[in-house]
Amino acid sequence: MSIESITARILQEAKDEAEHLKKQAEAEKDTLLAKAAEEAEAVKKETAAKAVEDAKVLGERRNSVAELEARKLRLSAKQEMIDRSFEEAAAQLAGMPAAEYQAFLLGLVEPYRAEPGEILLNEKDHKAYGKALEEALKDSPLAVAEETVPIQGGMILRQGCVSLNASLEKLMETQKKQITAEIAGVLFS
């Protein structure tokens, strides 16, 4: 055998080995690419499932927030209606016929008639009922003050250092605290 034939044979064997290694690498590459594609598909499915779940949770949260806001708005509207009811009641009290309103004022004073003091009215009531109240209370140590107060109606009774706020606003506020639940039941049941 000659050197050229040995060299040609070694060269051929190297080419064959290189070809074999190349085919083996290609097969390994195809296997790795297929495995990577499978893993990518699994990650893609998992991500899509998580996105669907996240969207569902987000939707539920938004619905909960929207329901809470709706409840707040309904409650606010109900409270506004109750407030308006009390404002209307105070306006109706202030607008009673003169004889009834004077009796109402005297009824407020009655429990305190025996003690000296002064009755403070708003300007309108002072003009309309001041003299009549003085006349009705002439046998009492109570007097109608010349001073007026900025109230919607009713009166302030001052006896020494103590003042009793019997203004329509205060009377309505007191009643409101006591019967708001009952009114809500009547209005919204």
Protein backbone atom coordinates (compact mmCIF):
# COMPACT_ATOMS: atom_id res chain seq x y z
CA MET A 1 0.00 0.00 0.00
CA SER A 2 1.18 3.30 -0.86
CA ILE A 3 1.14 6.42 1.20
CA GLU A 4 -1.34 7.99 -1.12
CA SER A 5 -3.74 5.13 -0.76
CA ILE A 6 -3.27 5.16 3.05
CA THR A 7 -3.76 8.94 3.09
CA ALA A 8 -6.82 8.61 0.84
CA ARG A 9 -8.20 5.88 3.10
CA ILE A 10 -7.57 7.97 6.29
CA LEU A 11 -9.10 10.96 4.58
CA GLN A 12 -12.13 8.88 3.55
CA GLU A 13 -12.49 7.47 7.07
CA ALA A 14 -12.29 11.04 8.47
CA LYS A 15 -14.94 12.19 6.01
CA ASP A 16 -17.13 9.20 6.89
CA GLU A 17 -16.64 9.88 10.61
CA ALA A 18 -17.39 13.61 10.07
CA GLU A 19 -20.51 12.69 8.10
CA HIS A 20 -21.59 10.29 10.86
CA LEU A 21 -20.97 12.93 13.56
CA LYS A 22 -22.83 15.51 11.48
CA LYS A 23 -25.85 13.17 11.13
CA GLN A 24 -25.71 12.39 14.85
CA ALA A 25 -25.56 16.14 15.70
CA GLU A 26 -28.49 16.83 13.35
CA ALA A 27 -30.53 14.10 15.03
CA GLU A 28 -29.63 15.45 18.47
CA LYS A 29 -30.48 18.99 17.30
CA ASP A 30 -33.90 17.80 16.02
CA THR A 31 -34.56 16.03 19.32
CA LEU A 32 -33.60 19.13 21.33
CA LEU A 33 -35.71 21.41 19.11
CA ALA A 34 -38.73 19.10 19.44
CA LYS A 35 -38.29 18.99 23.22
CA ALA A 36 -37.91 22.79 23.36
CA ALA A 37 -41.04 23.19 21.19
CA GLU A 38 -42.97 20.90 23.56
CA GLU A 39 -41.76 22.84 26.59
CA ALA A 40 -42.63 26.15 24.90
CA GLU A 41 -46.11 24.85 24.09
CA ALA A 42 -46.58 23.72 27.72
CA VAL A 43 -45.44 27.14 28.99
CA LYS A 44 -47.75 28.82 26.47
CA LYS A 45 -50.74 26.71 27.65
CA GLU A 46 -49.87 27.33 31.31
CA THR A 47 -49.53 31.08 30.69
CA ALA A 48 -52.84 31.16 28.81
CA ALA A 49 -54.57 29.25 31.62
CA LYS A 50 -53.07 31.62 34.21
CA ALA A 51 -54.15 34.62 32.14
CA VAL A 52 -57.71 33.27 31.98
CA GLU A 53 -57.70 32.67 35.76
CA ASP A 54 -56.21 36.13 36.42
CA ALA A 55 -58.85 37.71 34.17
CA LYS A 56 -61.59 35.84 36.05
CA VAL A 57 -60.23 36.98 39.43
CA LEU A 58 -59.88 40.56 38.17
CA GLY A 59 -63.44 40.46 36.83
CA GLU A 60 -64.74 39.19 40.17
CA ARG A 61 -62.86 41.94 42.00
CA ARG A 62 -64.24 44.60 39.68
CA ASN A 63 -67.76 43.23 40.16
CA SER A 64 -67.30 43.31 43.94
CA VAL A 65 -66.06 46.90 43.81
CA ALA A 66 -68.93 47.89 41.50
CA GLU A 67 -71.48 46.24 43.83
CA LEU A 68 -69.95 48.03 46.82
CA GLU A 69 -70.10 51.37 45.00
CA ALA A 70 -73.72 50.70 44.00
CA ARG A 71 -74.59 49.93 47.65
CA LYS A 72 -72.85 53.13 48.75
CA LEU A 73 -74.80 55.15 46.17
CA ARG A 74 -78.11 53.55 47.21
CA LEU A 75 -77.34 54.22 50.87
CA SER A 76 -76.40 57.81 50.09
CA ALA A 77 -79.62 58.30 48.12
CA LYS A 78 -81.66 56.81 50.97
CA GLN A 79 -79.92 59.03 53.50
CA GLU A 80 -80.59 62.06 51.31
CA MET A 81 -84.27 61.13 51.12
CA ILE A 82 -84.43 60.78 54.91
CA ASP A 83 -82.67 64.14 55.34
CA ARG A 84 -85.15 65.75 52.96
CA SER A 85 -88.04 64.20 54.89
CA PHE A 86 -86.81 65.81 58.10
CA GLU A 87 -86.21 69.15 56.37
CA GLU A 88 -89.75 69.02 54.99
CA ALA A 89 -91.13 68.14 58.43
CA ALA A 90 -89.28 71.11 59.98
CA ALA A 91 -90.64 73.39 57.23
CA GLN A 92 -94.16 72.09 57.87
CA LEU A 93 -93.79 72.72 61.60
CA ALA A 94 -92.57 76.25 60.94
CA GLY A 95 -95.47 76.79 58.55
CA MET A 96 -98.23 75.59 60.91
CA PRO A 97 -101.27 77.78 61.36
CA ALA A 98 -100.60 80.52 63.91
CA ALA A 99 -102.74 79.05 66.73
CA GLU A 100 -101.20 75.61 66.37
CA TYR A 101 -97.64 76.99 66.23
CA GLN A 102 -98.25 79.15 69.31
CA ALA A 103 -99.58 76.06 71.15
CA PHE A 104 -96.50 74.17 69.99
CA LEU A 105 -94.21 76.86 71.44
CA LEU A 106 -96.14 76.91 74.71
CA GLY A 107 -95.90 73.12 74.86
CA LEU A 108 -92.12 73.39 74.59
CA VAL A 109 -92.01 75.87 77.48
CA GLU A 110 -94.53 74.13 79.76
CA PRO A 111 -92.11 71.81 81.65
CA TYR A 112 -89.89 74.83 82.50
CA ARG A 113 -92.59 77.35 83.45
CA ALA A 114 -91.87 77.38 87.17
CA GLU A 115 -88.25 78.58 86.88
CA PRO A 116 -87.24 82.10 85.84
CA GLY A 117 -85.67 82.45 82.42
CA GLU A 118 -86.05 83.95 78.99
CA ILE A 119 -87.31 82.59 75.71
CA LEU A 120 -85.35 83.47 72.58
CA LEU A 121 -87.14 83.21 69.23
CA ASN A 122 -86.12 83.83 65.66
CA GLU A 123 -86.97 87.27 64.29
CA LYS A 124 -90.09 86.14 62.40
CA ASP A 125 -91.54 84.25 65.38
CA HIS A 126 -90.67 87.09 67.74
CA LYS A 127 -92.72 89.51 65.65
CA ALA A 128 -95.60 87.06 65.16
CA TYR A 129 -95.81 85.37 68.57
CA GLY A 130 -93.70 87.36 71.04
CA LYS A 131 -96.56 89.37 72.56
CA ALA A 132 -98.95 86.39 72.61
CA LEU A 133 -96.34 84.25 74.41
CA GLU A 134 -95.72 87.06 76.93
CA GLU A 135 -99.45 87.20 77.58
CA ALA A 136 -99.71 83.40 77.94
CA LEU A 137 -96.73 83.35 80.34
CA LYS A 138 -97.69 86.41 82.44
CA ASP A 139 -98.27 84.26 85.55
CA SER A 140 -94.84 82.61 85.07
CA PRO A 141 -91.31 83.87 85.83
CA LEU A 142 -90.47 83.24 82.14
CA ALA A 143 -90.22 86.14 79.70
CA VAL A 144 -89.76 86.51 75.97
CA ALA A 145 -86.37 88.10 75.32
CA GLU A 146 -85.98 91.06 72.96
CA GLU A 147 -82.90 89.34 71.55
CA THR A 148 -83.51 87.04 68.57
CA VAL A 149 -81.56 83.98 67.46
CA PRO A 150 -80.76 82.61 64.00
CA ILE A 151 -82.87 79.44 64.10
CA GLN A 152 -85.50 78.11 61.71
CA GLY A 153 -88.20 78.01 64.36
CA GLY A 154 -88.87 76.78 67.86
CA MET A 155 -86.95 78.51 70.62
CA ILE A 156 -83.95 78.65 72.91
CA LEU A 157 -84.80 78.74 76.62
CA ARG A 158 -82.17 80.39 78.81
CA GLN A 159 -82.41 79.79 82.53
CA GLY A 160 -79.36 81.17 84.30
CA CYS A 161 -76.22 79.50 82.92
CA VAL A 162 -78.23 76.75 81.23
CA SER A 163 -79.67 76.99 77.74
CA LEU A 164 -82.18 74.52 76.36
CA ASN A 165 -82.05 74.31 72.60
CA ALA A 166 -85.59 73.60 71.46
CA SER A 167 -85.05 74.95 67.95
CA LEU A 168 -86.75 73.08 65.14
CA GLU A 169 -83.33 72.08 63.85
CA LYS A 170 -82.34 70.53 67.18
CA LEU A 171 -85.72 68.86 67.69
CA MET A 172 -85.51 67.34 64.22
CA GLU A 173 -81.93 66.20 64.81
CA THR A 174 -82.94 64.49 68.04
CA GLN A 175 -85.92 62.81 66.42
CA LYS A 176 -83.81 61.82 63.44
CA LYS A 177 -81.35 59.96 65.65
CA GLN A 178 -84.19 58.12 67.34
CA ILE A 179 -86.30 57.12 64.35
CA THR A 180 -84.04 56.99 61.28
CA ALA A 181 -84.10 53.17 61.18
CA GLU A 182 -87.88 53.14 61.45
CA ILE A 183 -88.23 55.73 58.66
CA ALA A 184 -85.85 53.80 56.45
CA GLY A 185 -87.99 50.70 57.00
CA VAL A 186 -91.13 52.56 55.98
CA LEU A 187 -89.57 54.32 52.99
CA PHE A 188 -87.54 51.45 51.56
CA SER A 189 -89.27 48.20 52.49
